[in-house]
N, C-alpha and C. Protein backbone atom coordinates (compact mmCIF):
# COMPACT_ATOMS: atom_id res chain seq x y z
N MET A 1 123.23 119.18 175.50
CA MET A 1 124.04 119.82 174.77
C MET A 1 123.76 121.04 174.41
N LEU A 2 125.22 121.95 174.09
CA LEU A 2 124.93 123.39 173.57
C LEU A 2 125.59 123.09 172.08
N VAL A 3 125.47 124.07 171.16
CA VAL A 3 125.81 124.35 170.19
C VAL A 3 126.95 125.18 170.47
N ARG A 4 128.60 125.06 169.34
CA ARG A 4 129.49 125.48 169.71
C ARG A 4 129.96 126.04 168.03
N GLY A 5 130.85 126.73 167.92
CA GLY A 5 131.63 127.17 166.61
C GLY A 5 132.80 126.68 166.68
N ILE A 6 133.28 125.81 166.45
CA ILE A 6 134.62 125.86 166.05
C ILE A 6 135.51 126.49 164.75
N ARG A 7 136.15 127.48 165.04
CA ARG A 7 137.06 127.87 163.60
C ARG A 7 138.73 127.28 163.23
N GLY A 8 138.74 127.49 162.16
CA GLY A 8 139.98 126.47 161.48
C GLY A 8 139.96 127.72 160.32
N ALA A 9 141.24 127.72 159.76
CA ALA A 9 141.74 128.32 158.31
C ALA A 9 143.03 127.65 158.33
N THR A 10 143.09 127.61 156.53
CA THR A 10 144.08 126.89 155.79
C THR A 10 145.09 127.79 155.13
N THR A 11 145.90 127.54 154.57
CA THR A 11 146.39 128.32 153.05
C THR A 11 146.92 127.31 152.37
N VAL A 12 146.82 127.18 150.81
CA VAL A 12 146.79 126.83 149.84
C VAL A 12 148.17 127.90 149.25
N GLU A 13 149.15 126.99 148.21
CA GLU A 13 149.89 127.26 146.92
C GLU A 13 149.52 128.27 146.39
N SER A 14 148.85 127.06 144.79
CA SER A 14 148.09 127.68 144.53
C SER A 14 146.60 127.03 144.10
N ASN A 15 145.87 128.01 143.28
CA ASN A 15 144.48 127.77 143.29
C ASN A 15 144.23 127.01 142.03
N THR A 16 144.46 125.99 142.72
CA THR A 16 143.85 124.62 142.02
C THR A 16 142.64 123.61 143.03
N ARG A 17 142.06 122.84 141.71
CA ARG A 17 141.06 122.02 142.94
C ARG A 17 141.71 120.67 143.63
N GLU A 18 142.89 120.51 143.15
CA GLU A 18 143.24 119.21 143.86
C GLU A 18 143.97 119.97 145.32
N GLU A 19 144.06 121.42 145.53
CA GLU A 19 145.08 121.52 146.56
C GLU A 19 144.03 122.50 147.34
N ILE A 20 143.01 122.84 146.99
CA ILE A 20 141.78 123.46 147.93
C ILE A 20 141.39 121.60 148.40
N LEU A 21 140.92 121.25 147.64
CA LEU A 21 140.51 119.84 148.21
C LEU A 21 141.28 119.27 149.09
N ASP A 22 142.17 119.24 148.78
CA ASP A 22 143.64 118.46 150.01
C ASP A 22 143.65 119.47 151.16
N ALA A 23 144.02 120.81 150.81
CA ALA A 23 143.51 121.41 152.39
C ALA A 23 142.70 121.77 153.33
N ALA A 24 141.35 121.85 152.68
CA ALA A 24 139.99 121.26 153.12
C ALA A 24 139.71 120.22 154.10
N ARG A 25 140.39 119.00 153.28
CA ARG A 25 140.27 117.65 154.05
C ARG A 25 141.18 117.70 155.30
N GLU A 26 142.53 118.43 154.91
CA GLU A 26 143.72 118.14 156.08
C GLU A 26 142.80 118.86 157.64
N LEU A 27 142.54 120.21 156.89
CA LEU A 27 141.93 121.10 158.03
C LEU A 27 140.57 120.27 158.90
N LEU A 28 139.41 119.89 158.19
CA LEU A 28 138.49 119.18 158.76
C LEU A 28 138.75 117.89 159.54
N ASP A 29 140.00 117.31 159.17
CA ASP A 29 140.38 116.34 159.61
C ASP A 29 141.57 116.43 161.17
N THR A 30 141.68 117.79 160.84
CA THR A 30 142.39 117.94 162.12
C THR A 30 141.40 118.95 163.15
N ILE A 31 140.60 119.53 162.80
CA ILE A 31 139.21 119.97 164.16
C ILE A 31 138.95 118.33 164.64
N VAL A 32 138.27 117.86 163.70
CA VAL A 32 137.59 116.60 164.03
C VAL A 32 138.39 115.35 165.27
N THR A 33 139.77 115.85 164.90
CA THR A 33 140.68 114.61 165.94
C THR A 33 140.64 115.25 166.89
N ALA A 34 140.99 116.77 166.95
CA ALA A 34 141.55 117.67 167.83
C ALA A 34 140.34 117.88 169.08
N ASN A 35 138.84 117.85 168.88
CA ASN A 35 138.21 117.63 169.75
C ASN A 35 137.18 116.23 169.52
N GLU A 36 137.68 115.82 169.07
CA GLU A 36 137.31 114.05 169.56
C GLU A 36 135.52 114.25 169.36
N LEU A 37 135.06 114.79 168.10
CA LEU A 37 134.26 114.70 167.38
C LEU A 37 133.44 113.79 166.77
N PRO A 38 132.07 113.23 166.84
CA PRO A 38 131.42 112.12 166.51
C PRO A 38 130.71 113.26 165.26
N HIS A 39 130.98 112.56 163.99
CA HIS A 39 130.35 112.71 162.58
C HIS A 39 129.24 113.38 163.33
N GLU A 40 127.88 112.70 163.77
CA GLU A 40 126.43 113.12 164.21
C GLU A 40 126.73 114.38 165.35
N HIS A 41 127.47 114.80 165.50
CA HIS A 41 127.34 116.07 166.43
C HIS A 41 127.51 117.22 165.49
N VAL A 42 127.90 117.06 164.22
CA VAL A 42 128.59 118.14 163.35
C VAL A 42 126.92 118.93 162.33
N ALA A 43 126.43 120.35 162.87
CA ALA A 43 125.51 120.72 162.61
C ALA A 43 125.85 120.97 161.75
N SER A 44 126.50 121.67 160.79
CA SER A 44 126.59 122.93 159.76
C SER A 44 128.22 123.15 159.31
N ILE A 45 128.71 123.32 158.43
CA ILE A 45 129.96 124.07 158.46
C ILE A 45 129.65 125.02 156.94
N ILE A 46 129.97 126.14 157.14
CA ILE A 46 130.26 126.97 156.46
C ILE A 46 132.00 126.98 156.13
N PHE A 47 132.37 127.19 154.63
CA PHE A 47 133.98 127.18 154.46
C PHE A 47 133.35 128.70 153.45
N SER A 48 134.76 129.21 154.04
CA SER A 48 134.99 130.58 153.16
C SER A 48 136.46 129.94 152.78
N THR A 49 136.49 131.28 151.20
CA THR A 49 137.78 131.18 150.86
C THR A 49 138.25 132.90 150.62
N THR A 50 139.59 133.54 150.17
CA THR A 50 139.65 134.45 149.65
C THR A 50 139.28 134.37 148.27
N ALA A 51 139.05 135.41 147.81
CA ALA A 51 138.62 135.41 146.15
C ALA A 51 139.67 135.03 145.15
N ASP A 52 140.68 135.02 145.41
CA ASP A 52 142.02 134.52 145.05
C ASP A 52 141.62 132.33 145.13
N LEU A 53 140.84 132.26 145.27
CA LEU A 53 140.56 130.94 145.63
C LEU A 53 139.07 130.40 145.01
N ASN A 54 139.35 130.13 143.48
CA ASN A 54 138.15 129.79 143.12
C ASN A 54 137.84 128.65 142.29
N ALA A 55 138.56 127.37 142.20
CA ALA A 55 138.99 126.83 141.53
C ALA A 55 138.21 125.09 142.07
N GLU A 56 137.66 125.13 143.32
CA GLU A 56 136.34 124.58 143.81
C GLU A 56 135.98 124.67 144.59
N PHE A 57 135.01 123.70 145.21
CA PHE A 57 134.27 124.59 146.01
C PHE A 57 134.87 123.68 147.59
N PRO A 58 135.54 124.08 148.56
CA PRO A 58 135.90 123.22 149.75
C PRO A 58 135.24 122.44 150.21
N ALA A 59 134.08 122.53 150.33
CA ALA A 59 132.79 121.98 150.71
C ALA A 59 132.90 119.87 149.90
N VAL A 60 133.35 120.11 148.77
CA VAL A 60 133.31 118.90 147.96
C VAL A 60 134.15 117.74 148.82
N ALA A 61 135.06 118.33 149.77
CA ALA A 61 136.54 117.53 150.26
C ALA A 61 135.06 116.82 151.31
N ALA A 62 134.81 117.80 151.65
CA ALA A 62 134.11 117.11 152.85
C ALA A 62 132.97 116.31 152.68
N ARG A 63 132.07 115.84 150.75
CA ARG A 63 131.26 115.54 150.84
C ARG A 63 132.43 114.18 150.47
N GLU A 64 133.16 114.19 149.91
CA GLU A 64 133.64 113.17 149.73
C GLU A 64 134.61 112.38 150.66
N LEU A 65 134.52 113.29 151.80
CA LEU A 65 134.77 112.36 153.16
C LEU A 65 133.78 111.45 153.73
N GLY A 66 132.73 111.66 152.99
CA GLY A 66 131.22 110.79 153.89
C GLY A 66 130.05 112.05 154.83
N TRP A 67 130.74 113.28 154.36
CA TRP A 67 129.85 114.28 155.06
C TRP A 67 128.57 114.67 154.33
N THR A 68 127.78 113.41 154.16
CA THR A 68 126.66 113.37 152.98
C THR A 68 125.27 114.06 154.05
N ASP A 69 125.62 114.16 155.17
CA ASP A 69 124.22 114.77 155.46
C ASP A 69 124.59 116.05 156.53
N VAL A 70 125.26 116.77 156.34
CA VAL A 70 125.54 117.98 157.47
C VAL A 70 125.52 118.42 156.09
N ALA A 71 125.07 120.05 156.91
CA ALA A 71 124.70 120.99 156.00
C ALA A 71 125.74 121.79 155.38
N LEU A 72 126.09 122.29 154.55
CA LEU A 72 127.38 122.89 154.11
C LEU A 72 127.03 124.08 153.27
N GLU A 73 127.77 125.22 153.27
CA GLU A 73 128.06 126.16 152.81
C GLU A 73 129.29 126.82 152.10
N CYS A 74 129.83 127.39 150.89
CA CYS A 74 131.06 128.00 150.40
C CYS A 74 130.62 129.55 150.06
N VAL A 75 131.39 129.95 151.01
CA VAL A 75 131.24 131.61 150.34
C VAL A 75 132.77 131.89 150.42
N HIS A 76 132.87 133.90 149.91
CA HIS A 76 133.96 134.04 149.80
C HIS A 76 134.11 135.27 151.52
N GLU A 77 135.72 135.09 151.33
CA GLU A 77 135.76 136.23 152.30
C GLU A 77 135.68 137.27 151.87
N MET A 78 135.28 138.40 152.35
CA MET A 78 135.62 140.04 152.52
C MET A 78 136.99 140.25 151.85
N ASN A 79 137.23 140.78 150.63
CA ASN A 79 138.27 141.34 149.66
C ASN A 79 139.14 142.90 150.49
N VAL A 80 139.87 142.34 151.91
CA VAL A 80 140.03 143.34 152.71
C VAL A 80 141.86 143.45 152.21
N PRO A 81 142.25 144.59 151.53
CA PRO A 81 143.34 144.53 151.22
C PRO A 81 144.57 144.73 152.20
N GLY A 82 145.29 144.01 151.75
CA GLY A 82 146.15 143.25 152.78
C GLY A 82 146.18 142.12 153.74
N SER A 83 145.33 141.56 153.35
CA SER A 83 144.92 140.58 154.63
C SER A 83 145.67 138.72 153.57
N LEU A 84 145.56 137.85 154.52
CA LEU A 84 146.61 136.61 153.96
C LEU A 84 145.64 136.11 152.62
N PRO A 85 146.53 136.28 151.79
CA PRO A 85 146.31 135.58 149.86
C PRO A 85 146.00 133.97 150.54
N LYS A 86 145.09 133.39 149.75
CA LYS A 86 144.92 132.33 149.35
C LYS A 86 144.24 131.56 150.45
N CYS A 87 143.84 131.57 151.44
CA CYS A 87 143.00 131.03 152.78
C CYS A 87 141.84 130.66 152.79
N LEU A 88 141.94 129.75 153.25
CA LEU A 88 140.62 128.46 153.62
C LEU A 88 140.63 128.45 154.59
N ARG A 89 138.84 129.06 155.25
CA ARG A 89 138.83 129.15 156.21
C ARG A 89 137.01 128.25 156.65
N ILE A 90 136.95 127.63 157.95
CA ILE A 90 136.28 127.05 158.08
C ILE A 90 135.37 127.37 159.64
N LEU A 91 134.08 127.27 159.61
CA LEU A 91 133.35 127.47 160.64
C LEU A 91 132.46 126.68 160.99
N MET A 92 132.66 125.21 161.73
CA MET A 92 131.67 124.04 162.51
C MET A 92 131.07 124.41 163.47
N HIS A 93 129.83 124.30 162.89
CA HIS A 93 128.74 124.05 163.90
C HIS A 93 128.53 122.76 164.68
N VAL A 94 128.84 122.62 166.33
CA VAL A 94 128.92 121.39 166.55
C VAL A 94 127.95 121.96 167.94
N ASN A 95 127.31 120.48 167.92
CA ASN A 95 126.49 119.74 168.96
C ASN A 95 127.27 119.37 169.97
N THR A 96 128.16 119.93 171.05
CA THR A 96 128.86 119.70 172.23
C THR A 96 128.67 119.78 173.73
N GLU A 97 129.64 119.11 174.53
CA GLU A 97 128.79 119.27 175.74
C GLU A 97 130.53 120.09 176.70
N LYS A 98 131.11 120.30 175.61
CA LYS A 98 132.87 121.04 175.76
C LYS A 98 131.88 122.41 176.21
N SER A 99 132.95 122.80 177.19
CA SER A 99 132.98 124.43 177.07
C SER A 99 133.65 125.17 176.32
N ALA A 100 133.30 126.01 176.18
CA ALA A 100 134.02 127.20 175.30
C ALA A 100 135.83 127.14 175.26
N ALA A 101 136.22 127.24 176.43
CA ALA A 101 137.18 127.02 176.48
C ALA A 101 138.45 125.56 176.22
N GLU A 102 137.43 124.45 176.23
CA GLU A 102 137.84 123.29 175.76
C GLU A 102 137.76 122.95 174.28
N ILE A 103 137.18 123.80 173.56
CA ILE A 103 137.34 124.08 172.22
C ILE A 103 138.55 124.25 171.11
N GLN A 104 138.85 123.90 170.80
CA GLN A 104 140.36 123.57 169.95
C GLN A 104 140.27 124.03 168.43
N HIS A 105 140.03 125.49 168.38
CA HIS A 105 140.58 126.17 166.80
C HIS A 105 141.54 126.17 166.42
N ILE A 106 141.71 125.51 165.07
CA ILE A 106 142.67 124.57 164.58
C ILE A 106 143.49 125.72 163.17
N TYR A 107 144.66 126.22 163.25
CA TYR A 107 145.44 127.37 162.11
C TYR A 107 146.35 126.49 161.55
N LEU A 108 146.93 125.99 160.68
CA LEU A 108 147.39 125.33 159.60
C LEU A 108 148.24 126.23 158.56
N ARG A 109 149.55 125.69 158.67
CA ARG A 109 149.98 126.15 157.49
C ARG A 109 150.37 127.89 157.66
N GLY A 110 150.04 128.45 156.40
CA GLY A 110 150.00 130.03 156.43
C GLY A 110 149.54 130.48 157.22
N ALA A 111 147.83 129.69 157.98
CA ALA A 111 147.21 130.69 158.40
C ALA A 111 147.24 130.79 160.18
N ARG A 112 148.59 129.91 160.33
CA ARG A 112 148.81 130.36 161.86
C ARG A 112 149.44 131.79 162.08
N VAL A 113 149.25 132.67 160.99
CA VAL A 113 149.70 133.86 161.62
C VAL A 113 148.81 134.43 162.43
N LEU A 114 147.25 134.08 161.69
CA LEU A 114 146.06 134.42 161.80
C LEU A 114 145.94 134.90 163.60
N ARG A 115 146.16 133.78 163.89
CA ARG A 115 145.77 133.68 165.34
C ARG A 115 147.03 132.85 166.14
N ARG A 116 148.08 133.68 166.47
CA ARG A 116 148.66 133.23 167.05
C ARG A 116 148.91 132.23 168.75
N ASP A 117 148.23 133.38 169.11
CA ASP A 117 147.69 132.86 170.73
C ASP A 117 147.07 131.54 170.37
N LEU A 118 146.00 131.22 169.58
CA LEU A 118 145.93 129.61 169.81
C LEU A 118 146.78 128.43 169.35
N VAL A 119 147.40 129.27 168.30
CA VAL A 119 148.56 128.10 167.76
C VAL A 119 149.23 128.09 169.35
N GLU A 120 149.94 128.88 170.03
CA GLU A 120 150.57 128.53 171.08
C GLU A 120 150.23 128.29 172.28
N LYS A 121 148.47 127.96 171.81
CA LYS A 121 148.17 127.81 173.38
C LYS A 121 147.72 125.85 172.81
N GLN A 122 147.91 125.94 171.47
CA GLN A 122 147.72 124.62 170.84
C GLN A 122 148.84 123.57 171.17
N GLU A 123 149.97 124.57 170.71
CA GLU A 123 151.63 124.01 171.14
C GLU A 123 151.66 123.36 172.68
N ALA A 124 151.50 123.96 173.41
CA ALA A 124 151.71 124.00 174.67
C ALA A 124 151.16 122.77 174.97
N THR A 125 149.71 122.63 174.92
CA THR A 125 149.38 121.51 175.48
C THR A 125 149.08 119.89 174.98
N SER A 126 150.06 120.40 173.63
CA SER A 126 150.11 119.02 172.53
C SER A 126 151.31 118.59 173.28
């Protein structure tokens, strides 16, 4: 098995605990489903948010989903002028036999604009 990174991003409407956790859960579930990931193959997850999201740690959503034995970290993205606001990102490190080309990176809600190429590829194979 190799260690591969799986990227994902989504946006939230407002900086509330509920919205951050809902968005994090949705993104995690979608990544796991799309990549057919067994829980035990996930080595770690880095959650990042833009500076305007600070009402809750997105990793709390993973803990609430039972991810208690996975290394989790929360950080803020660089505050680049003009970048997508209220954005939550995930970088998941997984042990897998899949090739890099087989990995499904997931972009939801307003974050779809970040990687239109991957969104279009995903829609074409669905």
